[in-house]
Amino acid sequence: MNKGVIYYTKIREEYKGAHMEHMIAEKLLEIGLKKEFGIDLEYEPRAEGEHGKPFLSYRPAIHYNISHSGEYVVCVLADEEVGIDVQIHRKANYERMLERMVTDEKRREILAGPDVEKEFFTQWVLLEAYIKWTGEGFSRDLRNISMEEGTCMLLDMKEGYSGALWTMNPIEICWKFEDVMLG
């Protein structure tokens, strides 16, 4: 079984509302690469795939992906392509959003379920983790993505959050917390 590690942090009080989530995610990546592989991110060239997915130019065996929502930031490192997404549950017009995300049949199934909010966010994180894994991003109509390739794992998250991880093969994951300070 392939392995991966999810570095995660809770955004410190002094950074809340300052829109520093991406910088915090980069710091998590820096910490993870140093701890797992002895790599100094400052000296690692990166490039982007066709739809903007970043990768380490000279390290094809090391894959990463980041996500942030609410008070959490995550960075996954793995030995194969990986996509991760976390989302805080927020009230929204789920029906309207689902019209752009899933087939009519899937939309009806979610809206008829016992917990629409939970089902909506489960679908959202699965879909976003999938398109981050494939590197497609939002480059095509989400309703036409079958998500039949690869394998997914719903992440055990704090109440009010959903998370998912997508890879080609089943992956063994461990979690590591880091209290990220910038500067």
N, C-alpha and C. Protein backbone atom coordinates (compact mmCIF):
# COMPACT_ATOMS: atom_id res chain seq x y z
N MET A 1 0.85 -1.20 0.00
CA MET A 1 0.00 0.00 0.00
C MET A 1 0.88 1.24 0.00
N ASN A 2 0.49 2.22 -0.78
CA ASN A 2 1.22 3.48 -0.83
C ASN A 2 0.96 4.26 0.45
N LYS A 3 1.86 5.20 0.72
CA LYS A 3 1.77 5.97 1.96
C LYS A 3 1.70 7.46 1.68
N GLY A 4 1.12 8.16 2.63
CA GLY A 4 1.06 9.61 2.57
C GLY A 4 0.95 10.17 3.97
N VAL A 5 1.20 11.46 4.09
CA VAL A 5 1.07 12.13 5.38
C VAL A 5 0.34 13.45 5.15
N ILE A 6 -0.59 13.73 6.05
CA ILE A 6 -1.32 14.99 6.01
C ILE A 6 -0.81 15.86 7.15
N TYR A 7 -0.16 16.94 6.78
CA TYR A 7 0.21 17.96 7.76
C TYR A 7 -0.97 18.91 7.85
N TYR A 8 -1.35 19.26 9.07
CA TYR A 8 -2.48 20.17 9.23
C TYR A 8 -2.21 21.14 10.35
N THR A 9 -2.92 22.26 10.30
CA THR A 9 -2.82 23.26 11.34
C THR A 9 -4.16 23.95 11.51
N LYS A 10 -4.34 24.50 12.67
CA LYS A 10 -5.47 25.37 12.97
C LYS A 10 -4.92 26.79 12.88
N ILE A 11 -5.58 27.64 12.11
CA ILE A 11 -5.08 29.00 11.92
C ILE A 11 -5.03 29.73 13.26
N ARG A 12 -3.86 30.26 13.55
CA ARG A 12 -3.66 30.98 14.82
C ARG A 12 -4.54 32.22 14.87
N GLU A 13 -4.93 32.60 16.06
CA GLU A 13 -5.82 33.74 16.28
C GLU A 13 -5.33 35.00 15.57
N GLU A 14 -4.02 35.27 15.64
CA GLU A 14 -3.49 36.50 15.05
C GLU A 14 -3.56 36.53 13.52
N TYR A 15 -3.80 35.37 12.89
CA TYR A 15 -3.89 35.31 11.43
C TYR A 15 -5.33 35.26 10.92
N LYS A 16 -6.29 35.06 11.80
CA LYS A 16 -7.68 34.93 11.38
C LYS A 16 -8.16 36.22 10.72
N GLY A 17 -8.83 36.07 9.58
CA GLY A 17 -9.36 37.21 8.85
C GLY A 17 -8.33 37.98 8.04
N ALA A 18 -7.07 37.53 8.06
CA ALA A 18 -6.00 38.24 7.36
C ALA A 18 -5.71 37.65 5.98
N HIS A 19 -6.49 36.65 5.57
CA HIS A 19 -6.33 36.01 4.26
C HIS A 19 -4.91 35.47 4.05
N MET A 20 -4.40 34.79 5.07
CA MET A 20 -3.04 34.25 5.03
C MET A 20 -3.03 32.74 4.84
N GLU A 21 -4.18 32.17 4.48
CA GLU A 21 -4.29 30.71 4.39
C GLU A 21 -3.29 30.11 3.40
N HIS A 22 -3.09 30.77 2.25
CA HIS A 22 -2.16 30.21 1.26
C HIS A 22 -0.72 30.24 1.79
N MET A 23 -0.36 31.32 2.47
CA MET A 23 0.99 31.40 3.05
C MET A 23 1.18 30.33 4.12
N ILE A 24 0.13 30.09 4.90
CA ILE A 24 0.19 29.05 5.93
C ILE A 24 0.33 27.68 5.27
N ALA A 25 -0.40 27.45 4.17
CA ALA A 25 -0.31 26.19 3.45
C ALA A 25 1.10 25.99 2.89
N GLU A 26 1.70 27.04 2.36
CA GLU A 26 3.07 26.96 1.85
C GLU A 26 4.04 26.62 2.98
N LYS A 27 3.81 27.20 4.15
CA LYS A 27 4.67 26.90 5.31
C LYS A 27 4.49 25.44 5.73
N LEU A 28 3.26 24.93 5.69
CA LEU A 28 3.03 23.51 5.99
C LEU A 28 3.78 22.62 5.00
N LEU A 29 3.73 22.99 3.71
CA LEU A 29 4.46 22.24 2.69
C LEU A 29 5.95 22.27 2.99
N GLU A 30 6.46 23.44 3.32
CA GLU A 30 7.88 23.58 3.65
C GLU A 30 8.26 22.68 4.83
N ILE A 31 7.45 22.71 5.88
CA ILE A 31 7.71 21.89 7.07
C ILE A 31 7.66 20.40 6.71
N GLY A 32 6.61 20.01 5.98
CA GLY A 32 6.45 18.60 5.62
C GLY A 32 7.59 18.08 4.77
N LEU A 33 8.00 18.84 3.76
CA LEU A 33 9.11 18.41 2.90
C LEU A 33 10.41 18.27 3.68
N LYS A 34 10.64 19.19 4.61
CA LYS A 34 11.85 19.14 5.43
C LYS A 34 11.83 17.91 6.35
N LYS A 35 10.69 17.70 7.03
CA LYS A 35 10.60 16.59 7.99
C LYS A 35 10.55 15.22 7.32
N GLU A 36 9.85 15.12 6.21
CA GLU A 36 9.67 13.81 5.57
C GLU A 36 10.84 13.43 4.65
N PHE A 37 11.42 14.43 3.97
CA PHE A 37 12.40 14.12 2.93
C PHE A 37 13.71 14.88 3.07
N GLY A 38 13.82 15.77 4.06
CA GLY A 38 15.03 16.57 4.22
C GLY A 38 15.21 17.59 3.10
N ILE A 39 14.10 17.98 2.46
CA ILE A 39 14.14 18.90 1.33
C ILE A 39 13.85 20.32 1.81
N ASP A 40 14.67 21.28 1.34
CA ASP A 40 14.46 22.69 1.63
C ASP A 40 13.66 23.30 0.48
N LEU A 41 12.41 23.63 0.72
CA LEU A 41 11.51 24.14 -0.32
C LEU A 41 12.05 25.39 -0.99
N GLU A 42 12.79 26.19 -0.26
CA GLU A 42 13.33 27.44 -0.80
C GLU A 42 14.19 27.19 -2.04
N TYR A 43 14.82 26.01 -2.11
CA TYR A 43 15.71 25.71 -3.23
C TYR A 43 15.13 24.67 -4.18
N GLU A 44 13.84 24.40 -4.09
CA GLU A 44 13.17 23.42 -4.95
C GLU A 44 12.39 24.12 -6.05
N PRO A 45 12.79 23.98 -7.29
CA PRO A 45 11.98 24.59 -8.36
C PRO A 45 10.65 23.87 -8.50
N ARG A 46 9.63 24.66 -8.78
CA ARG A 46 8.29 24.11 -9.00
C ARG A 46 7.77 24.56 -10.35
N ALA A 47 6.86 23.78 -10.86
CA ALA A 47 6.21 24.10 -12.13
C ALA A 47 4.72 23.81 -11.96
N GLU A 48 3.96 24.10 -13.00
CA GLU A 48 2.53 23.84 -12.97
C GLU A 48 2.13 22.99 -14.15
N GLY A 49 1.17 22.08 -13.90
CA GLY A 49 0.62 21.26 -14.97
C GLY A 49 -0.26 22.08 -15.89
N GLU A 50 -0.84 21.44 -16.86
CA GLU A 50 -1.65 22.09 -17.90
C GLU A 50 -2.74 23.00 -17.33
N HIS A 51 -3.35 22.59 -16.22
CA HIS A 51 -4.44 23.38 -15.63
C HIS A 51 -4.03 24.06 -14.33
N GLY A 52 -2.72 24.18 -14.09
CA GLY A 52 -2.24 24.95 -12.95
C GLY A 52 -1.88 24.17 -11.70
N LYS A 53 -1.97 22.83 -11.72
CA LYS A 53 -1.60 22.07 -10.52
C LYS A 53 -0.08 22.12 -10.34
N PRO A 54 0.37 22.61 -9.18
CA PRO A 54 1.81 22.73 -8.96
C PRO A 54 2.46 21.37 -8.64
N PHE A 55 3.75 21.27 -8.98
CA PHE A 55 4.52 20.08 -8.65
C PHE A 55 5.99 20.46 -8.51
N LEU A 56 6.74 19.59 -7.85
CA LEU A 56 8.18 19.79 -7.68
C LEU A 56 8.87 19.34 -8.97
N SER A 57 9.51 20.27 -9.64
CA SER A 57 10.07 20.02 -10.98
C SER A 57 11.04 18.84 -11.04
N TYR A 58 11.91 18.70 -10.03
CA TYR A 58 12.95 17.67 -10.09
C TYR A 58 12.71 16.52 -9.12
N ARG A 59 11.52 16.40 -8.59
CA ARG A 59 11.19 15.35 -7.64
C ARG A 59 9.90 14.65 -8.07
N PRO A 60 9.94 13.89 -9.16
CA PRO A 60 8.70 13.29 -9.68
C PRO A 60 8.08 12.24 -8.77
N ALA A 61 8.82 11.74 -7.78
CA ALA A 61 8.27 10.73 -6.87
C ALA A 61 7.54 11.35 -5.68
N ILE A 62 7.63 12.66 -5.53
CA ILE A 62 6.98 13.33 -4.39
C ILE A 62 5.82 14.17 -4.93
N HIS A 63 4.63 13.91 -4.40
CA HIS A 63 3.43 14.63 -4.83
C HIS A 63 2.82 15.33 -3.62
N TYR A 64 2.19 16.47 -3.87
CA TYR A 64 1.56 17.19 -2.76
C TYR A 64 0.31 17.90 -3.26
N ASN A 65 -0.52 18.28 -2.30
CA ASN A 65 -1.71 19.06 -2.58
C ASN A 65 -2.10 19.75 -1.29
N ILE A 66 -2.69 20.94 -1.41
CA ILE A 66 -3.08 21.70 -0.23
C ILE A 66 -4.54 22.10 -0.31
N SER A 67 -5.12 22.40 0.84
CA SER A 67 -6.49 22.89 0.91
C SER A 67 -6.64 23.67 2.20
N HIS A 68 -7.58 24.60 2.21
CA HIS A 68 -7.89 25.32 3.44
C HIS A 68 -9.33 25.77 3.41
N SER A 69 -9.92 25.79 4.58
CA SER A 69 -11.29 26.26 4.73
C SER A 69 -11.54 26.49 6.22
N GLY A 70 -12.27 27.55 6.52
CA GLY A 70 -12.55 27.84 7.92
C GLY A 70 -11.25 28.06 8.67
N GLU A 71 -11.09 27.34 9.78
CA GLU A 71 -9.90 27.54 10.59
C GLU A 71 -8.80 26.51 10.34
N TYR A 72 -8.97 25.66 9.32
CA TYR A 72 -7.99 24.61 9.05
C TYR A 72 -7.28 24.76 7.72
N VAL A 73 -6.02 24.36 7.72
CA VAL A 73 -5.19 24.29 6.52
C VAL A 73 -4.56 22.91 6.52
N VAL A 74 -4.58 22.24 5.36
CA VAL A 74 -3.99 20.91 5.25
C VAL A 74 -3.04 20.86 4.04
N CYS A 75 -2.04 20.00 4.16
CA CYS A 75 -1.09 19.75 3.09
C CYS A 75 -0.79 18.26 3.10
N VAL A 76 -1.09 17.58 2.00
CA VAL A 76 -0.81 16.15 1.92
C VAL A 76 0.42 15.93 1.06
N LEU A 77 1.29 15.05 1.52
CA LEU A 77 2.46 14.60 0.78
C LEU A 77 2.28 13.11 0.54
N ALA A 78 2.53 12.66 -0.69
CA ALA A 78 2.31 11.25 -1.00
C ALA A 78 3.30 10.79 -2.06
N ASP A 79 3.37 9.47 -2.24
CA ASP A 79 4.26 8.91 -3.24
C ASP A 79 3.54 8.64 -4.56
N GLU A 80 2.36 9.23 -4.74
CA GLU A 80 1.65 9.21 -6.02
C GLU A 80 0.77 10.44 -6.08
N GLU A 81 0.26 10.75 -7.28
CA GLU A 81 -0.61 11.92 -7.43
C GLU A 81 -1.72 11.88 -6.39
N VAL A 82 -2.04 13.04 -5.84
CA VAL A 82 -3.00 13.11 -4.76
C VAL A 82 -3.78 14.42 -4.85
N GLY A 83 -5.02 14.38 -4.41
CA GLY A 83 -5.85 15.57 -4.31
C GLY A 83 -6.52 15.57 -2.95
N ILE A 84 -6.58 16.73 -2.32
CA ILE A 84 -7.22 16.82 -0.99
C ILE A 84 -8.11 18.05 -0.98
N ASP A 85 -9.21 17.94 -0.26
CA ASP A 85 -10.07 19.10 -0.06
C ASP A 85 -10.69 19.03 1.32
N VAL A 86 -10.75 20.19 1.98
CA VAL A 86 -11.50 20.34 3.23
C VAL A 86 -12.44 21.52 3.05
N GLN A 87 -13.61 21.42 3.66
CA GLN A 87 -14.60 22.49 3.58
C GLN A 87 -15.31 22.64 4.91
N ILE A 88 -15.45 23.89 5.35
CA ILE A 88 -16.30 24.18 6.49
C ILE A 88 -17.73 24.19 5.97
N HIS A 89 -18.66 23.70 6.75
CA HIS A 89 -20.07 23.70 6.35
C HIS A 89 -20.63 25.11 6.54
N ARG A 90 -21.13 25.66 5.47
CA ARG A 90 -21.78 26.98 5.51
C ARG A 90 -23.14 26.84 4.84
N LYS A 91 -24.08 27.57 5.33
CA LYS A 91 -25.41 27.56 4.73
C LYS A 91 -25.31 28.13 3.32
N ALA A 92 -26.01 27.52 2.40
CA ALA A 92 -25.98 27.96 1.00
C ALA A 92 -27.25 27.47 0.32
N ASN A 93 -27.45 27.90 -0.88
CA ASN A 93 -28.55 27.39 -1.69
C ASN A 93 -28.04 26.09 -2.32
N TYR A 94 -28.17 25.01 -1.58
CA TYR A 94 -27.60 23.73 -2.00
C TYR A 94 -28.20 23.26 -3.33
N GLU A 95 -29.48 23.46 -3.52
CA GLU A 95 -30.11 23.01 -4.76
C GLU A 95 -29.49 23.71 -5.96
N ARG A 96 -29.34 25.03 -5.87
CA ARG A 96 -28.76 25.78 -6.99
C ARG A 96 -27.31 25.37 -7.24
N MET A 97 -26.55 25.19 -6.18
CA MET A 97 -25.14 24.80 -6.35
C MET A 97 -25.03 23.39 -6.93
N LEU A 98 -25.89 22.50 -6.48
CA LEU A 98 -25.86 21.13 -6.99
C LEU A 98 -26.18 21.07 -8.48
N GLU A 99 -27.01 22.01 -8.97
CA GLU A 99 -27.35 22.04 -10.40
C GLU A 99 -26.09 22.19 -11.25
N ARG A 100 -25.06 22.87 -10.71
CA ARG A 100 -23.82 23.07 -11.46
C ARG A 100 -22.77 22.01 -11.15
N MET A 101 -23.04 21.19 -10.13
CA MET A 101 -22.03 20.23 -9.67
C MET A 101 -22.26 18.80 -10.11
N VAL A 102 -23.51 18.37 -10.09
CA VAL A 102 -23.80 16.95 -10.27
C VAL A 102 -24.94 16.74 -11.26
N THR A 103 -25.15 15.51 -11.65
CA THR A 103 -26.25 15.17 -12.55
C THR A 103 -27.58 15.43 -11.84
N ASP A 104 -28.64 15.53 -12.62
CA ASP A 104 -29.98 15.75 -12.04
C ASP A 104 -30.34 14.61 -11.09
N GLU A 105 -30.01 13.39 -11.47
CA GLU A 105 -30.31 12.23 -10.63
C GLU A 105 -29.59 12.33 -9.27
N LYS A 106 -28.32 12.67 -9.30
CA LYS A 106 -27.55 12.80 -8.06
C LYS A 106 -28.07 13.96 -7.22
N ARG A 107 -28.44 15.04 -7.86
CA ARG A 107 -28.99 16.20 -7.14
C ARG A 107 -30.27 15.81 -6.40
N ARG A 108 -31.17 15.11 -7.10
CA ARG A 108 -32.42 14.68 -6.46
C ARG A 108 -32.14 13.75 -5.28
N GLU A 109 -31.17 12.85 -5.46
CA GLU A 109 -30.80 11.92 -4.39
C GLU A 109 -30.29 12.66 -3.15
N ILE A 110 -29.43 13.65 -3.35
CA ILE A 110 -28.88 14.41 -2.22
C ILE A 110 -29.98 15.22 -1.53
N LEU A 111 -30.82 15.89 -2.33
CA LEU A 111 -31.87 16.75 -1.76
C LEU A 111 -32.95 15.94 -1.04
N ALA A 112 -33.12 14.68 -1.40
CA ALA A 112 -34.11 13.82 -0.74
C ALA A 112 -33.55 13.12 0.50
N GLY A 113 -32.25 13.26 0.72
CA GLY A 113 -31.61 12.57 1.84
C GLY A 113 -31.96 13.18 3.18
N PRO A 114 -31.61 12.47 4.26
CA PRO A 114 -31.95 12.92 5.61
C PRO A 114 -31.12 14.11 6.09
N ASP A 115 -29.93 14.36 5.54
CA ASP A 115 -29.06 15.45 5.98
C ASP A 115 -28.46 16.11 4.74
N VAL A 116 -29.21 17.03 4.16
CA VAL A 116 -28.82 17.65 2.89
C VAL A 116 -27.47 18.35 3.02
N GLU A 117 -27.27 19.09 4.10
CA GLU A 117 -26.01 19.82 4.28
C GLU A 117 -24.82 18.87 4.29
N LYS A 118 -24.92 17.81 5.08
CA LYS A 118 -23.81 16.85 5.16
C LYS A 118 -23.56 16.19 3.80
N GLU A 119 -24.62 15.77 3.14
CA GLU A 119 -24.49 15.11 1.84
C GLU A 119 -23.93 16.07 0.78
N PHE A 120 -24.37 17.33 0.83
CA PHE A 120 -23.85 18.32 -0.11
C PHE A 120 -22.34 18.46 0.07
N PHE A 121 -21.89 18.66 1.30
CA PHE A 121 -20.46 18.88 1.53
C PHE A 121 -19.64 17.62 1.29
N THR A 122 -20.21 16.45 1.52
CA THR A 122 -19.52 15.21 1.17
C THR A 122 -19.30 15.17 -0.34
N GLN A 123 -20.34 15.47 -1.10
CA GLN A 123 -20.21 15.48 -2.56
C GLN A 123 -19.21 16.54 -3.00
N TRP A 124 -19.26 17.70 -2.37
CA TRP A 124 -18.37 18.81 -2.74
C TRP A 124 -16.90 18.41 -2.55
N VAL A 125 -16.56 17.88 -1.36
CA VAL A 125 -15.14 17.56 -1.11
C VAL A 125 -14.67 16.40 -1.97
N LEU A 126 -15.55 15.43 -2.23
CA LEU A 126 -15.16 14.32 -3.11
C LEU A 126 -14.87 14.85 -4.52
N LEU A 127 -15.74 15.70 -5.02
CA LEU A 127 -15.56 16.25 -6.36
C LEU A 127 -14.31 17.12 -6.44
N GLU A 128 -14.12 17.98 -5.47
CA GLU A 128 -12.96 18.87 -5.51
C GLU A 128 -11.66 18.09 -5.32
N ALA A 129 -11.64 17.11 -4.43
CA ALA A 129 -10.43 16.29 -4.27
C ALA A 129 -10.12 15.55 -5.57
N TYR A 130 -11.16 15.10 -6.26
CA TYR A 130 -10.97 14.39 -7.52
C TYR A 130 -10.33 15.29 -8.58
N ILE A 131 -10.89 16.49 -8.77
CA ILE A 131 -10.35 17.37 -9.81
C ILE A 131 -8.98 17.92 -9.43
N LYS A 132 -8.68 17.98 -8.15
CA LYS A 132 -7.33 18.37 -7.73
C LYS A 132 -6.36 17.21 -7.97
N TRP A 133 -6.83 15.99 -7.76
CA TRP A 133 -6.00 14.81 -8.03
C TRP A 133 -5.65 14.72 -9.52
N THR A 134 -6.65 14.87 -10.36
CA THR A 134 -6.40 14.74 -11.81
C THR A 134 -5.69 15.97 -12.37
N GLY A 135 -5.68 17.06 -11.62
CA GLY A 135 -5.06 18.28 -12.10
C GLY A 135 -5.95 19.09 -13.02
N GLU A 136 -7.20 18.67 -13.20
CA GLU A 136 -8.12 19.37 -14.09
C GLU A 136 -8.62 20.67 -13.49
N GLY A 137 -8.70 20.73 -12.18
CA GLY A 137 -9.28 21.91 -11.56
C GLY A 137 -10.69 22.10 -12.09
N PHE A 138 -11.11 23.34 -12.17
CA PHE A 138 -12.47 23.65 -12.65
C PHE A 138 -12.47 23.91 -14.16
N SER A 139 -11.63 23.19 -14.88
CA SER A 139 -11.46 23.43 -16.32
C SER A 139 -12.58 22.82 -17.16
N ARG A 140 -13.43 22.01 -16.58
CA ARG A 140 -14.53 21.46 -17.37
C ARG A 140 -15.80 21.39 -16.53
N ASP A 141 -16.90 21.10 -17.17
CA ASP A 141 -18.20 21.04 -16.51
C ASP A 141 -18.18 19.93 -15.45
N LEU A 142 -18.39 20.31 -14.22
CA LEU A 142 -18.33 19.35 -13.10
C LEU A 142 -19.35 18.23 -13.25
N ARG A 143 -20.48 18.52 -13.86
CA ARG A 143 -21.54 17.52 -14.01
C ARG A 143 -21.12 16.36 -14.91
N ASN A 144 -20.09 16.57 -15.73
CA ASN A 144 -19.64 15.54 -16.66
C ASN A 144 -18.46 14.72 -16.14
N ILE A 145 -18.09 14.92 -14.90
CA ILE A 145 -16.97 14.18 -14.32
C ILE A 145 -17.53 12.96 -13.59
N SER A 146 -17.11 11.78 -14.02
CA SER A 146 -17.70 10.55 -13.49
C SER A 146 -17.11 10.12 -12.15
N MET A 147 -15.90 10.49 -11.85
CA MET A 147 -15.20 10.10 -10.62
C MET A 147 -15.16 8.59 -10.44
N GLU A 148 -15.05 7.86 -11.53
CA GLU A 148 -14.99 6.40 -11.45
C GLU A 148 -13.56 5.88 -11.42
N GLU A 149 -12.60 6.75 -11.71
CA GLU A 149 -11.19 6.36 -11.70
C GLU A 149 -10.60 6.65 -10.32
N GLY A 150 -9.63 5.85 -9.93
CA GLY A 150 -8.95 6.10 -8.67
C GLY A 150 -9.75 5.64 -7.46
N THR A 151 -9.31 6.10 -6.31
CA THR A 151 -9.95 5.73 -5.05
C THR A 151 -10.00 6.94 -4.13
N CYS A 152 -11.04 7.00 -3.32
CA CYS A 152 -11.19 8.14 -2.43
C CYS A 152 -11.32 7.69 -0.98
N MET A 153 -11.05 8.65 -0.11
CA MET A 153 -11.17 8.42 1.31
C MET A 153 -11.79 9.68 1.92
N LEU A 154 -12.90 9.50 2.64
CA LEU A 154 -13.44 10.63 3.39
C LEU A 154 -12.60 10.78 4.65
N LEU A 155 -12.25 12.02 4.97
CA LEU A 155 -11.38 12.29 6.11
C LEU A 155 -12.21 12.51 7.37
N ASP A 156 -11.70 12.03 8.47
CA ASP A 156 -12.34 12.20 9.77
C ASP A 156 -12.05 13.63 10.24
N MET A 157 -13.05 14.48 10.16
CA MET A 157 -12.88 15.90 10.45
C MET A 157 -13.72 16.31 11.66
N LYS A 158 -13.37 17.48 12.21
CA LYS A 158 -14.13 18.08 13.29
C LYS A 158 -15.56 18.32 12.82
N GLU A 159 -16.52 18.27 13.74
CA GLU A 159 -17.93 18.54 13.44
C GLU A 159 -18.04 19.87 12.69
N GLY A 160 -18.83 19.89 11.62
CA GLY A 160 -19.01 21.10 10.84
C GLY A 160 -18.03 21.22 9.69
N TYR A 161 -17.21 20.19 9.48
CA TYR A 161 -16.25 20.17 8.37
C TYR A 161 -16.38 18.85 7.64
N SER A 162 -16.03 18.88 6.36
CA SER A 162 -15.91 17.66 5.56
C SER A 162 -14.57 17.69 4.87
N GLY A 163 -14.03 16.50 4.60
CA GLY A 163 -12.76 16.42 3.90
C GLY A 163 -12.68 15.13 3.11
N ALA A 164 -11.91 15.17 2.03
CA ALA A 164 -11.72 13.98 1.20
C ALA A 164 -10.33 14.00 0.60
N LEU A 165 -9.85 12.81 0.31
CA LEU A 165 -8.55 12.59 -0.32
C LEU A 165 -8.77 11.66 -1.50
N TRP A 166 -8.11 11.94 -2.63
CA TRP A 166 -8.26 11.10 -3.81
C TRP A 166 -6.89 10.73 -4.34
N THR A 167 -6.72 9.45 -4.67
CA THR A 167 -5.49 8.92 -5.27
C THR A 167 -5.87 7.83 -6.26
N MET A 168 -4.89 7.36 -7.02
CA MET A 168 -5.17 6.25 -7.93
C MET A 168 -5.35 4.95 -7.15
N ASN A 169 -4.48 4.71 -6.18
CA ASN A 169 -4.49 3.48 -5.40
C ASN A 169 -4.80 3.77 -3.94
N PRO A 170 -5.30 2.78 -3.21
CA PRO A 170 -5.51 2.99 -1.78
C PRO A 170 -4.20 3.46 -1.13
N ILE A 171 -4.33 4.34 -0.17
CA ILE A 171 -3.16 4.95 0.44
C ILE A 171 -3.31 4.94 1.96
N GLU A 172 -2.24 4.63 2.62
CA GLU A 172 -2.21 4.66 4.09
C GLU A 172 -1.78 6.06 4.51
N ILE A 173 -2.62 6.71 5.31
CA ILE A 173 -2.38 8.11 5.70
C ILE A 173 -2.12 8.22 7.19
N CYS A 174 -1.16 9.08 7.55
CA CYS A 174 -1.02 9.48 8.94
C CYS A 174 -1.15 11.00 9.00
N TRP A 175 -1.61 11.49 10.11
CA TRP A 175 -1.84 12.91 10.32
C TRP A 175 -0.75 13.46 11.24
N LYS A 176 -0.26 14.67 10.95
CA LYS A 176 0.72 15.33 11.80
C LYS A 176 0.32 16.80 11.96
N PHE A 177 0.14 17.20 13.21
CA PHE A 177 -0.23 18.59 13.50
C PHE A 177 1.02 19.46 13.60
N GLU A 178 0.95 20.67 13.06
CA GLU A 178 1.99 21.67 13.18
C GLU A 178 1.34 23.00 13.56
N ASP A 179 1.88 23.65 14.56
CA ASP A 179 1.42 24.99 14.94
C ASP A 179 2.22 25.98 14.09
N VAL A 180 1.63 26.46 13.00
CA VAL A 180 2.36 27.26 12.03
C VAL A 180 2.40 28.74 12.45
N MET A 181 3.62 29.25 12.51
CA MET A 181 3.86 30.68 12.73
C MET A 181 4.60 31.19 11.51
N LEU A 182 4.16 32.31 10.99
CA LEU A 182 4.80 32.90 9.83
C LEU A 182 5.86 33.92 10.27
N GLY A 183 6.85 34.12 9.40
CA GLY A 183 7.86 35.15 9.67
C GLY A 183 9.06 34.66 10.42
